[in-house]
Structure formats: C-alpha cells, structure tokens
Amino acid sequence: MTNLYFPDEAIKTDDLYFVCYMIERIARQLKQPNKYVVNAMGHDELVKKLSLADVLHAENPLAVTADWIEEYHLQSGKHDVTKVNPNLCEKIPTATQMGKVYKRLILSTLSSNEDYADGIIRVYNNPICEDLDNYNGSAYYEPSPYITRSYYAGGF
C-alpha cells in the first residue's frame, strides 16, 4: 500500500499495527466496540492515519487518542471489554497485544485487491471480533494460524 502523503514510501506492517493499537486504545477508553471506531473513521480516514502512522507513533499515545476522539466526534458507550470474570481471566490483554492480534489477522486474510484500510474495515466488522474481544474465553491468545482458520470458518 502506498503512502498517501509520501508516494515514494510504502505503508508498512508496523503502521498497520499502530492503527490497530490506537483503535483498541480508543475503543477501551470510550467503552465502545472496536468496529464503532473503525466505522466512524471510514476508509479514507484510515488511509490517512496509516500514512501518518510512522510519525504518529512517536507522539504521546494519550494525545493521539484524544485527537482522534475529537476529530471523529466519538462518543462514550457501555461496551467494556475489560469487565471480565476474574475466575476466567486473570490478566486482560493489553491494547498493544490486541493490536498485534488484529494486525496479524488482517495480514493473514488480506486479499490482493484490498489495501490495509479495506482489511481493517472487513476484519473489525466480522463477528469473530466478538470472540476475540471476549477475554473470558481463549480466542485472543490462540495461535495466529488458528485464528485465521477460525475467521474463514465463521467462528471458533
């Protein structure tokens, strides 16, 4: 995928990871599903953020989160993925860990006619995200090939 602002540079997988990480941070802060953030941004804005990710990753993540919330007029909700049964989940995965899970799933399912923004929208709107974001279960820490096969199978 070509960088929107620097056409001689390609968007890297680390840029995809950064955007997935920020989506997770924002969704957790606002108590919204990840797909709420993704759909509020839309394809063109995701392309912009992917193109700027190489620079934005050096910024304070709290400031980037606040900027994106304001820029896309994101609202608080009641979907708290961190509210888990302590008997089933001793430790909630971090936003960075979940950013990596989603990055790997997007990359492993990306078709030749999709860019990273298309992949983000497709994956985050898939019902499998409900399983990945349910930390009372085990889906999020399954090996990446198993998560990919589960994605194509329609669930775990």
C-alpha atoms as a PDB file:
ATOM      1  CA  MET A   1       0.000   0.000   0.000  1.00  0.00           C
ATOM      2  CA  THR A   2       1.375   3.390  -0.983  1.00  0.00           C
ATOM      3  CA  ASN A   3       1.614   6.233   1.493  1.00  0.00           C
ATOM      4  CA  LEU A   4      -0.919   8.954   0.693  1.00  0.00           C
ATOM      5  CA  TYR A   5       1.411  11.815   1.658  1.00  0.00           C
ATOM      6  CA  PHE A   6       4.737  10.318   0.607  1.00  0.00           C
ATOM      7  CA  PRO A   7       4.071   8.361  -2.626  1.00  0.00           C
ATOM      8  CA  ASP A   8       7.648   7.072  -2.732  1.00  0.00           C
ATOM      9  CA  GLU A   9       7.121   5.302   0.605  1.00  0.00           C
ATOM     10  CA  ALA A  10       5.089   2.216   1.301  1.00  0.00           C
ATOM     11  CA  ILE A  11       2.888   1.807   4.346  1.00  0.00           C
ATOM     12  CA  LYS A  12       4.499  -0.874   6.490  1.00  0.00           C
ATOM     13  CA  THR A  13       3.006  -3.579   8.663  1.00  0.00           C
ATOM     14  CA  ASP A  14       4.186  -1.607  11.704  1.00  0.00           C
ATOM     15  CA  ASP A  15       1.945   1.243  10.518  1.00  0.00           C
ATOM     16  CA  LEU A  16      -0.975  -1.185  10.372  1.00  0.00           C
ATOM     17  CA  TYR A  17      -0.111  -2.359  13.890  1.00  0.00           C
ATOM     18  CA  PHE A  18      -0.050   1.222  15.192  1.00  0.00           C
ATOM     19  CA  VAL A  19      -3.521   1.972  13.802  1.00  0.00           C
ATOM     20  CA  CYS A  20      -4.911  -1.295  15.239  1.00  0.00           C
ATOM     21  CA  TYR A  21      -3.348  -0.431  18.601  1.00  0.00           C
ATOM     22  CA  MET A  22      -4.909   3.049  18.558  1.00  0.00           C
ATOM     23  CA  ILE A  23      -8.313   1.616  17.613  1.00  0.00           C
ATOM     24  CA  GLU A  24      -8.068  -0.684  20.635  1.00  0.00           C
ATOM     25  CA  ARG A  25      -6.998   2.149  22.981  1.00  0.00           C
ATOM     26  CA  ILE A  26      -9.823   4.406  21.857  1.00  0.00           C
ATOM     27  CA  ALA A  27     -12.467   1.675  21.986  1.00  0.00           C
ATOM     28  CA  ARG A  28     -11.433   0.715  25.522  1.00  0.00           C
ATOM     29  CA  GLN A  29     -11.356   4.316  26.709  1.00  0.00           C
ATOM     30  CA  LEU A  30     -14.796   5.062  25.264  1.00  0.00           C
ATOM     31  CA  LYS A  31     -16.259   1.654  26.178  1.00  0.00           C
ATOM     32  CA  GLN A  32     -17.234   1.026  22.574  1.00  0.00           C
ATOM     33  CA  PRO A  33     -16.680  -1.975  20.295  1.00  0.00           C
ATOM     34  CA  ASN A  34     -13.646  -1.624  18.033  1.00  0.00           C
ATOM     35  CA  LYS A  35     -15.869  -1.582  14.968  1.00  0.00           C
ATOM     36  CA  TYR A  36     -17.519   1.614  16.247  1.00  0.00           C
ATOM     37  CA  VAL A  37     -14.174   3.430  15.997  1.00  0.00           C
ATOM     38  CA  VAL A  38     -13.328   1.860  12.629  1.00  0.00           C
ATOM     39  CA  ASN A  39     -16.708   2.670  11.085  1.00  0.00           C
ATOM     40  CA  ALA A  40     -16.698   6.220  12.447  1.00  0.00           C
ATOM     41  CA  MET A  41     -13.350   6.816  10.753  1.00  0.00           C
ATOM     42  CA  GLY A  42     -14.125   5.148   7.439  1.00  0.00           C
ATOM     43  CA  HIS A  43     -11.811   4.026   4.659  1.00  0.00           C
ATOM     44  CA  ASP A  44     -10.356   7.373   3.567  1.00  0.00           C
ATOM     45  CA  GLU A  45      -9.531   8.486   7.102  1.00  0.00           C
ATOM     46  CA  LEU A  46      -7.969   5.105   7.890  1.00  0.00           C
ATOM     47  CA  VAL A  47      -5.745   5.550   4.832  1.00  0.00           C
ATOM     48  CA  LYS A  48      -4.693   8.960   6.178  1.00  0.00           C
ATOM     49  CA  LYS A  49      -3.894   7.542   9.620  1.00  0.00           C
ATOM     50  CA  LEU A  50      -1.990   4.620   8.100  1.00  0.00           C
ATOM     51  CA  SER A  51       0.006   7.113   6.027  1.00  0.00           C
ATOM     52  CA  LEU A  52       0.834   9.177   9.115  1.00  0.00           C
ATOM     53  CA  ALA A  53       1.444   6.258  11.469  1.00  0.00           C
ATOM     54  CA  ASP A  54       5.215   6.377  11.039  1.00  0.00           C
ATOM     55  CA  VAL A  55       5.169   9.890  12.517  1.00  0.00           C
ATOM     56  CA  LEU A  56       2.266   9.460  14.953  1.00  0.00           C
ATOM     57  CA  HIS A  57       3.857   6.512  16.733  1.00  0.00           C
ATOM     58  CA  ALA A  58       6.441   8.915  18.158  1.00  0.00           C
ATOM     59  CA  GLU A  59       3.698  11.048  19.725  1.00  0.00           C
ATOM     60  CA  ASN A  60       2.228  10.512  23.185  1.00  0.00           C
ATOM     61  CA  PRO A  61      -0.478   7.817  22.723  1.00  0.00           C
ATOM     62  CA  LEU A  62      -2.777   9.661  25.127  1.00  0.00           C
ATOM     63  CA  ALA A  63      -2.586  12.774  22.956  1.00  0.00           C
ATOM     64  CA  VAL A  64      -3.156  10.781  19.755  1.00  0.00           C
ATOM     65  CA  THR A  65      -6.153   9.067  21.358  1.00  0.00           C
ATOM     66  CA  ALA A  66      -7.625  12.406  22.449  1.00  0.00           C
ATOM     67  CA  ASP A  67      -7.045  13.909  18.988  1.00  0.00           C
ATOM     68  CA  TRP A  68      -8.763  11.026  17.191  1.00  0.00           C
ATOM     69  CA  ILE A  69     -11.719  11.061  19.606  1.00  0.00           C
ATOM     70  CA  GLU A  70     -12.204  14.768  18.959  1.00  0.00           C
ATOM     71  CA  GLU A  71     -11.527  14.594  15.226  1.00  0.00           C
ATOM     72  CA  TYR A  72     -14.098  11.842  14.613  1.00  0.00           C
ATOM     73  CA  HIS A  73     -16.601  13.035  17.255  1.00  0.00           C
ATOM     74  CA  LEU A  74     -16.502   9.656  19.012  1.00  0.00           C
ATOM     75  CA  GLN A  75     -18.898   9.155  21.903  1.00  0.00           C
ATOM     76  CA  SER A  76     -18.746   7.041  25.050  1.00  0.00           C
ATOM     77  CA  GLY A  77     -20.724   3.827  25.270  1.00  0.00           C
ATOM     78  CA  LYS A  78     -21.252   0.934  27.649  1.00  0.00           C
ATOM     79  CA  HIS A  79     -19.284  -1.859  25.925  1.00  0.00           C
ATOM     80  CA  ASP A  80     -16.483  -2.541  28.414  1.00  0.00           C
ATOM     81  CA  VAL A  81     -14.226  -5.362  27.212  1.00  0.00           C
ATOM     82  CA  THR A  82     -12.150  -5.072  30.379  1.00  0.00           C
ATOM     83  CA  LYS A  83     -15.062  -6.092  32.593  1.00  0.00           C
ATOM     84  CA  VAL A  84     -14.292  -9.792  32.969  1.00  0.00           C
ATOM     85  CA  ASN A  85     -14.908 -12.632  35.346  1.00  0.00           C
ATOM     86  CA  PRO A  86     -11.685 -12.874  37.413  1.00  0.00           C
ATOM     87  CA  ASN A  87     -12.175 -16.641  37.676  1.00  0.00           C
ATOM     88  CA  LEU A  88     -11.980 -16.923  33.886  1.00  0.00           C
ATOM     89  CA  CYS A  89      -9.483 -14.201  33.063  1.00  0.00           C
ATOM     90  CA  GLU A  90      -6.603 -13.488  35.409  1.00  0.00           C
ATOM     91  CA  LYS A  91      -4.982 -10.877  33.193  1.00  0.00           C
ATOM     92  CA  ILE A  92      -6.614  -8.772  30.490  1.00  0.00           C
ATOM     93  CA  PRO A  93      -4.501  -8.477  27.329  1.00  0.00           C
ATOM     94  CA  THR A  94      -3.073  -5.032  26.758  1.00  0.00           C
ATOM     95  CA  ALA A  95      -4.103  -2.771  23.896  1.00  0.00           C
ATOM     96  CA  THR A  96      -0.696  -3.403  22.325  1.00  0.00           C
ATOM     97  CA  GLN A  97      -1.216  -7.165  22.493  1.00  0.00           C
ATOM     98  CA  MET A  98      -4.659  -6.905  20.892  1.00  0.00           C
ATOM     99  CA  GLY A  99      -3.297  -4.536  18.246  1.00  0.00           C
ATOM    100  CA  LYS A 100      -0.877  -7.302  17.262  1.00  0.00           C
ATOM    101  CA  VAL A 101      -3.658  -9.925  17.201  1.00  0.00           C
ATOM    102  CA  TYR A 102      -5.717  -7.787  14.842  1.00  0.00           C
ATOM    103  CA  LYS A 103      -2.720  -6.825  12.693  1.00  0.00           C
ATOM    104  CA  ARG A 104      -1.838 -10.484  12.163  1.00  0.00           C
ATOM    105  CA  LEU A 105      -5.452 -11.391  11.335  1.00  0.00           C
ATOM    106  CA  ILE A 106      -5.722  -8.557   8.813  1.00  0.00           C
ATOM    107  CA  LEU A 107      -2.440  -9.513   7.157  1.00  0.00           C
ATOM    108  CA  SER A 108      -3.260 -13.214   7.016  1.00  0.00           C
ATOM    109  CA  THR A 109      -6.668 -12.601   5.393  1.00  0.00           C
ATOM    110  CA  LEU A 110      -5.795  -9.647   3.148  1.00  0.00           C
ATOM    111  CA  SER A 111      -6.723 -10.284  -0.473  1.00  0.00           C
ATOM    112  CA  SER A 112      -4.727  -8.982  -3.420  1.00  0.00           C
ATOM    113  CA  ASN A 113      -7.380  -6.388  -4.274  1.00  0.00           C
ATOM    114  CA  GLU A 114      -7.514  -4.910  -0.737  1.00  0.00           C
ATOM    115  CA  ASP A 115      -5.413  -2.275   0.946  1.00  0.00           C
ATOM    116  CA  TYR A 116      -4.821  -2.178   4.714  1.00  0.00           C
ATOM    117  CA  ALA A 117      -7.789   0.135   5.280  1.00  0.00           C
ATOM    118  CA  ASP A 118     -10.086  -2.327   3.479  1.00  0.00           C
ATOM    119  CA  GLY A 119      -8.691  -5.126   5.642  1.00  0.00           C
ATOM    120  CA  ILE A 120      -9.254  -3.144   8.837  1.00  0.00           C
ATOM    121  CA  ILE A 121     -12.881  -2.461   7.951  1.00  0.00           C
ATOM    122  CA  ARG A 122     -13.536  -6.064   6.890  1.00  0.00           C
ATOM    123  CA  VAL A 123     -11.946  -7.701   9.935  1.00  0.00           C
ATOM    124  CA  TYR A 124     -13.279  -5.352  12.598  1.00  0.00           C
ATOM    125  CA  ASN A 125     -16.807  -5.741  11.221  1.00  0.00           C
ATOM    126  CA  ASN A 126     -16.615  -9.540  11.253  1.00  0.00           C
ATOM    127  CA  PRO A 127     -18.493 -11.378  14.040  1.00  0.00           C
ATOM    128  CA  ILE A 128     -15.250 -13.126  15.035  1.00  0.00           C
ATOM    129  CA  CYS A 129     -14.278  -9.910  16.835  1.00  0.00           C
ATOM    130  CA  GLU A 130     -16.890 -10.633  19.487  1.00  0.00           C
ATOM    131  CA  ASP A 131     -14.959 -13.811  20.318  1.00  0.00           C
ATOM    132  CA  LEU A 132     -11.545 -12.149  20.138  1.00  0.00           C
ATOM    133  CA  ASP A 133     -12.680  -9.338  22.420  1.00  0.00           C
ATOM    134  CA  ASN A 134     -14.299 -11.663  24.957  1.00  0.00           C
ATOM    135  CA  TYR A 135     -11.454 -12.072  27.417  1.00  0.00           C
ATOM    136  CA  ASN A 136     -13.428 -14.610  29.435  1.00  0.00           C
ATOM    137  CA  GLY A 137     -12.690 -17.005  26.569  1.00  0.00           C
ATOM    138  CA  SER A 138      -9.456 -18.124  24.967  1.00  0.00           C
ATOM    139  CA  ALA A 139      -9.810 -16.902  21.378  1.00  0.00           C
ATOM    140  CA  TYR A 140      -7.498 -13.885  21.654  1.00  0.00           C
ATOM    141  CA  TYR A 141      -4.474 -15.922  22.712  1.00  0.00           C
ATOM    142  CA  GLU A 142      -4.871 -18.759  20.238  1.00  0.00           C
ATOM    143  CA  PRO A 143      -2.079 -19.096  17.658  1.00  0.00           C
ATOM    144  CA  SER A 144      -2.463 -16.799  14.655  1.00  0.00           C
ATOM    145  CA  PRO A 145      -2.984 -19.636  12.129  1.00  0.00           C
ATOM    146  CA  TYR A 146      -5.838 -20.982  14.265  1.00  0.00           C
ATOM    147  CA  ILE A 147      -7.443 -17.522  14.481  1.00  0.00           C
ATOM    148  CA  THR A 148      -7.158 -17.182  10.700  1.00  0.00           C
ATOM    149  CA  ARG A 149      -8.745 -20.612  10.099  1.00  0.00           C
ATOM    150  CA  SER A 150     -11.495 -19.690  12.556  1.00  0.00           C
ATOM    151  CA  TYR A 151     -12.080 -16.434  10.689  1.00  0.00           C
ATOM    152  CA  TYR A 152     -12.596 -18.313   7.432  1.00  0.00           C
ATOM    153  CA  ALA A 153     -14.722 -20.959   9.174  1.00  0.00           C
ATOM    154  CA  GLY A 154     -17.014 -18.297  10.609  1.00  0.00           C
ATOM    155  CA  GLY A 155     -16.090 -18.761  14.265  1.00  0.00           C
ATOM    156  CA  PHE A 156     -14.161 -20.752  16.831  1.00  0.00           C
END
